[in-house]
Every structure is written in structure tokens, then in C-alpha cells.
Amino acid sequence: MIKSSTIPTPIEMDELEALLIEFGILESDEEAEKLIAAENAAKATA
């Protein structure tokens, strides 16, 4: 018995990044910059 398979359609990296950000798997560049700035500020005061 042969099972039918679906071949995924390739998408552009920009589309993939948008999907990952939308589903919370990847942070946006702005959020990543905020976290880095907060970590650097915490290190500077410690």
C-alpha cells in the first residue's frame, strides 16, 4: 500500500523569519536589541 505524501513548498527566509516571530519561536530584531541592552545595563551596574 502506497501512502500519498506531500512535498513541502520552499519559502523565502524572510517569510520563515516572519512565521517564527509570529509564533514566538524567534524574537524580532528590536526585541533582541532591547534584551541585549538590558543585560549590558545590568552588567554595568553590578
Protein backbone atom coordinates (compact mmCIF):
# COMPACT_ATOMS: atom_id res chain seq x y z
CA MET A 1 0.00 0.00 0.00
CA ILE A 2 1.43 3.36 -1.04
CA LYS A 3 0.75 6.31 1.21
CA SER A 4 0.47 9.66 -0.54
CA SER A 5 2.98 12.22 0.64
CA THR A 6 3.05 15.97 0.45
CA ILE A 7 6.21 17.67 -0.71
CA PRO A 8 6.64 20.97 1.17
CA THR A 9 6.87 24.15 -0.87
CA PRO A 10 10.04 26.15 -0.19
CA ILE A 11 9.60 29.65 1.24
CA GLU A 12 11.91 32.65 1.38
CA MET A 13 13.99 33.26 4.51
CA ASP A 14 12.06 36.48 5.20
CA GLU A 15 8.78 34.55 5.21
CA LEU A 16 10.26 31.91 7.51
CA GLU A 17 11.58 34.54 9.90
CA ALA A 18 8.18 36.28 9.98
CA LEU A 19 6.45 32.98 10.81
CA LEU A 20 8.95 32.16 13.56
CA ILE A 21 8.48 35.62 15.12
CA GLU A 22 4.69 35.37 14.80
CA PHE A 23 4.61 32.06 16.68
CA GLY A 24 7.10 33.21 19.34
CA ILE A 25 9.87 30.83 18.33
CA LEU A 26 12.23 33.63 17.33
CA GLU A 27 12.49 37.16 18.71
CA SER A 28 12.30 40.15 16.44
CA ASP A 29 15.47 42.19 15.98
CA GLU A 30 14.00 45.01 18.09
CA GLU A 31 13.22 42.67 21.00
CA ALA A 32 16.67 41.08 20.81
CA GLU A 33 18.32 44.53 20.91
CA LYS A 34 16.23 45.50 23.98
CA LEU A 35 17.26 42.32 25.81
CA ILE A 36 20.95 42.84 24.99
CA ALA A 37 20.79 46.46 26.15
CA ALA A 38 19.10 45.41 29.41
CA GLU A 39 21.74 42.72 30.03
CA ASN A 40 24.56 45.18 29.34
CA ALA A 41 22.99 47.74 31.68
CA ALA A 42 22.67 45.12 34.42
CA LYS A 43 26.33 44.14 34.00
CA ALA A 44 27.41 47.81 34.13
CA THR A 45 25.62 48.41 37.44
CA ALA A 46 26.79 45.17 39.05
